[in-house]
Amino acid sequence: MFILNSEERMHTPFRGPFDPCPPVPFKTFVVPPNQFINFQPPNLPQFSLPEALRYGTLWPALFSPYESKSKGGR
């Protein structure tokens, strides 16, 4: 089976009996981490300013790395 990170979800798309496209066994999508935080808790840990610029967020709890699924590209 596939190992997914905690933010990645998987579903099986509907395949009709007369669908001319090749079958796709499953599709994945990412749920952003801000969907799991109802409000900003006090004293939430923060990245240093250079790290925040590198990661694109000030709070480590909201950091979600992007992994490209394209073939052959960066």
N, C-alpha and C. Protein backbone atom coordinates (compact mmCIF):
# COMPACT_ATOMS: atom_id res chain seq x y z
N MET A 1 0.84 -1.19 0.00
CA MET A 1 0.00 0.00 0.00
C MET A 1 0.88 1.24 0.00
N PHE A 2 0.31 2.38 -0.26
CA PHE A 2 1.06 3.62 -0.35
C PHE A 2 1.12 4.29 1.01
N ILE A 3 2.29 4.84 1.33
CA ILE A 3 2.45 5.57 2.58
C ILE A 3 2.30 7.05 2.26
N LEU A 4 1.32 7.68 2.88
CA LEU A 4 1.03 9.09 2.65
C LEU A 4 1.38 9.88 3.90
N ASN A 5 1.75 11.16 3.71
CA ASN A 5 1.97 11.97 4.90
C ASN A 5 0.61 12.33 5.50
N SER A 6 0.60 12.96 6.65
CA SER A 6 -0.65 13.20 7.36
C SER A 6 -1.56 14.18 6.64
N GLU A 7 -1.03 14.95 5.69
CA GLU A 7 -1.83 15.95 4.98
C GLU A 7 -2.31 15.44 3.62
N GLU A 8 -1.84 14.31 3.19
CA GLU A 8 -2.18 13.80 1.87
C GLU A 8 -3.32 12.79 1.99
N ARG A 9 -4.32 12.95 1.12
CA ARG A 9 -5.47 12.05 1.12
C ARG A 9 -5.55 11.36 -0.24
N MET A 10 -6.25 10.24 -0.27
CA MET A 10 -6.36 9.46 -1.49
C MET A 10 -7.82 9.07 -1.70
N HIS A 11 -8.27 9.07 -2.95
CA HIS A 11 -9.60 8.58 -3.25
C HIS A 11 -9.59 7.86 -4.58
N THR A 12 -10.58 7.01 -4.79
CA THR A 12 -10.72 6.26 -6.03
C THR A 12 -11.77 6.95 -6.89
N PRO A 13 -11.40 7.46 -8.06
CA PRO A 13 -12.38 8.13 -8.91
C PRO A 13 -13.36 7.14 -9.54
N PHE A 14 -14.56 7.65 -9.86
CA PHE A 14 -15.58 6.82 -10.50
C PHE A 14 -15.14 6.48 -11.92
N ARG A 15 -15.32 5.23 -12.29
CA ARG A 15 -15.03 4.79 -13.66
C ARG A 15 -16.31 4.23 -14.25
N GLY A 16 -16.85 4.93 -15.25
CA GLY A 16 -18.07 4.47 -15.90
C GLY A 16 -17.80 3.31 -16.83
N PRO A 17 -18.82 2.51 -17.14
CA PRO A 17 -18.62 1.34 -18.00
C PRO A 17 -18.24 1.72 -19.44
N PHE A 18 -18.58 2.94 -19.88
CA PHE A 18 -18.28 3.35 -21.25
C PHE A 18 -17.24 4.46 -21.28
N ASP A 19 -16.45 4.59 -20.24
CA ASP A 19 -15.44 5.63 -20.16
C ASP A 19 -14.32 5.32 -21.15
N PRO A 20 -14.04 6.22 -22.12
CA PRO A 20 -13.00 5.94 -23.12
C PRO A 20 -11.58 6.18 -22.61
N CYS A 21 -11.44 6.84 -21.46
CA CYS A 21 -10.10 7.14 -20.93
C CYS A 21 -9.51 5.93 -20.23
N PRO A 22 -8.17 5.84 -20.18
CA PRO A 22 -7.57 4.74 -19.44
C PRO A 22 -7.90 4.87 -17.95
N PRO A 23 -8.08 3.76 -17.26
CA PRO A 23 -8.48 3.82 -15.85
C PRO A 23 -7.38 4.42 -14.97
N VAL A 24 -7.80 5.22 -14.00
CA VAL A 24 -6.91 5.80 -13.01
C VAL A 24 -7.26 5.12 -11.69
N PRO A 25 -6.34 4.34 -11.10
CA PRO A 25 -6.70 3.58 -9.89
C PRO A 25 -6.99 4.46 -8.68
N PHE A 26 -6.26 5.57 -8.54
CA PHE A 26 -6.51 6.46 -7.40
C PHE A 26 -5.95 7.84 -7.72
N LYS A 27 -6.43 8.83 -6.98
CA LYS A 27 -5.92 10.19 -7.08
C LYS A 27 -5.60 10.67 -5.67
N THR A 28 -4.59 11.52 -5.57
CA THR A 28 -4.22 12.07 -4.27
C THR A 28 -4.39 13.58 -4.30
N PHE A 29 -4.63 14.14 -3.12
CA PHE A 29 -4.71 15.58 -2.96
C PHE A 29 -4.20 15.94 -1.57
N VAL A 30 -3.80 17.18 -1.41
CA VAL A 30 -3.22 17.64 -0.14
C VAL A 30 -4.22 18.54 0.56
N VAL A 31 -4.44 18.26 1.84
CA VAL A 31 -5.27 19.11 2.69
C VAL A 31 -4.32 20.03 3.43
N PRO A 32 -4.44 21.37 3.27
CA PRO A 32 -3.51 22.28 3.92
C PRO A 32 -3.59 22.20 5.44
N PRO A 33 -2.45 22.38 6.12
CA PRO A 33 -2.44 22.25 7.58
C PRO A 33 -3.31 23.28 8.29
N ASN A 34 -3.60 24.43 7.65
CA ASN A 34 -4.43 25.42 8.33
C ASN A 34 -5.87 24.93 8.50
N GLN A 35 -6.26 23.85 7.84
CA GLN A 35 -7.59 23.29 8.02
C GLN A 35 -7.73 22.55 9.35
N PHE A 36 -6.61 22.26 10.00
CA PHE A 36 -6.63 21.51 11.25
C PHE A 36 -6.46 22.40 12.47
N ILE A 37 -6.23 23.71 12.28
CA ILE A 37 -6.04 24.64 13.39
C ILE A 37 -7.23 25.59 13.40
N ASN A 38 -8.06 25.53 14.43
CA ASN A 38 -9.27 26.34 14.50
C ASN A 38 -8.95 27.82 14.73
N PHE A 39 -8.01 28.10 15.59
CA PHE A 39 -7.62 29.47 15.91
C PHE A 39 -6.13 29.46 16.22
N GLN A 40 -5.54 30.64 16.27
CA GLN A 40 -4.11 30.71 16.54
C GLN A 40 -3.88 30.57 18.04
N PRO A 41 -3.28 29.46 18.46
CA PRO A 41 -3.02 29.27 19.89
C PRO A 41 -1.96 30.25 20.38
N PRO A 42 -2.02 30.64 21.64
CA PRO A 42 -0.97 31.52 22.17
C PRO A 42 0.37 30.77 22.25
N ASN A 43 1.43 31.52 22.12
CA ASN A 43 2.80 31.00 22.23
C ASN A 43 3.10 29.89 21.21
N LEU A 44 2.55 30.01 20.02
CA LEU A 44 2.84 29.05 18.96
C LEU A 44 4.30 29.23 18.54
N PRO A 45 5.08 28.16 18.45
CA PRO A 45 6.50 28.29 18.06
C PRO A 45 6.62 28.97 16.70
N GLN A 46 7.72 29.71 16.53
CA GLN A 46 7.94 30.45 15.28
C GLN A 46 9.32 30.12 14.72
N PHE A 47 9.41 30.16 13.38
CA PHE A 47 10.70 30.06 12.72
C PHE A 47 11.46 31.37 12.93
N SER A 48 12.79 31.33 12.77
CA SER A 48 13.55 32.57 12.72
C SER A 48 13.19 33.26 11.40
N LEU A 49 13.49 34.55 11.27
CA LEU A 49 13.10 35.27 10.07
C LEU A 49 13.70 34.68 8.78
N PRO A 50 15.00 34.31 8.75
CA PRO A 50 15.51 33.68 7.51
C PRO A 50 14.81 32.35 7.20
N GLU A 51 14.54 31.56 8.24
CA GLU A 51 13.83 30.29 8.01
C GLU A 51 12.41 30.54 7.52
N ALA A 52 11.74 31.55 8.10
CA ALA A 52 10.36 31.87 7.69
C ALA A 52 10.32 32.27 6.22
N LEU A 53 11.30 33.03 5.75
CA LEU A 53 11.34 33.39 4.34
C LEU A 53 11.60 32.17 3.47
N ARG A 54 12.43 31.25 3.94
CA ARG A 54 12.74 30.05 3.16
C ARG A 54 11.52 29.11 3.09
N TYR A 55 10.80 28.96 4.21
CA TYR A 55 9.67 28.03 4.27
C TYR A 55 8.35 28.65 3.84
N GLY A 56 8.26 29.98 3.81
CA GLY A 56 7.04 30.64 3.37
C GLY A 56 5.99 30.81 4.44
N THR A 57 6.34 30.55 5.68
CA THR A 57 5.41 30.75 6.80
C THR A 57 6.21 31.02 8.06
N LEU A 58 5.61 31.73 8.98
CA LEU A 58 6.29 32.04 10.24
C LEU A 58 6.17 30.90 11.24
N TRP A 59 5.11 30.10 11.11
CA TRP A 59 4.84 29.06 12.10
C TRP A 59 5.12 27.66 11.53
N PRO A 60 5.92 26.86 12.22
CA PRO A 60 6.20 25.49 11.76
C PRO A 60 4.93 24.63 11.65
N ALA A 61 3.92 24.90 12.46
CA ALA A 61 2.68 24.11 12.41
C ALA A 61 1.95 24.30 11.08
N LEU A 62 2.20 25.41 10.39
CA LEU A 62 1.53 25.68 9.12
C LEU A 62 2.39 25.36 7.91
N PHE A 63 3.58 24.83 8.13
CA PHE A 63 4.48 24.50 7.02
C PHE A 63 4.04 23.18 6.39
N SER A 64 3.91 23.18 5.08
CA SER A 64 3.56 21.98 4.34
C SER A 64 4.45 21.91 3.11
N PRO A 65 5.42 21.00 3.08
CA PRO A 65 6.32 20.94 1.92
C PRO A 65 5.57 20.49 0.67
N TYR A 66 5.94 21.06 -0.45
CA TYR A 66 5.35 20.69 -1.74
C TYR A 66 6.27 19.71 -2.44
N GLU A 67 5.73 18.58 -2.79
CA GLU A 67 6.50 17.59 -3.53
C GLU A 67 5.88 17.46 -4.92
N SER A 68 6.66 17.84 -5.94
CA SER A 68 6.16 17.80 -7.30
C SER A 68 5.96 16.37 -7.76
N LYS A 69 4.84 16.13 -8.39
CA LYS A 69 4.55 14.80 -8.92
C LYS A 69 4.77 14.73 -10.42
N SER A 70 5.32 15.82 -10.99
CA SER A 70 5.59 15.82 -12.44
C SER A 70 6.76 14.89 -12.74
N LYS A 71 6.74 14.37 -13.94
CA LYS A 71 7.77 13.39 -14.33
C LYS A 71 8.93 14.12 -15.00
N GLY A 72 10.10 13.99 -14.45
CA GLY A 72 11.29 14.50 -15.08
C GLY A 72 11.58 15.96 -14.82
N GLY A 73 10.67 16.73 -14.28
CA GLY A 73 10.89 18.16 -14.05
C GLY A 73 11.24 18.45 -12.62
N ARG A 74 11.76 19.64 -12.40
CA ARG A 74 12.06 20.04 -11.03
C ARG A 74 10.97 20.89 -10.48
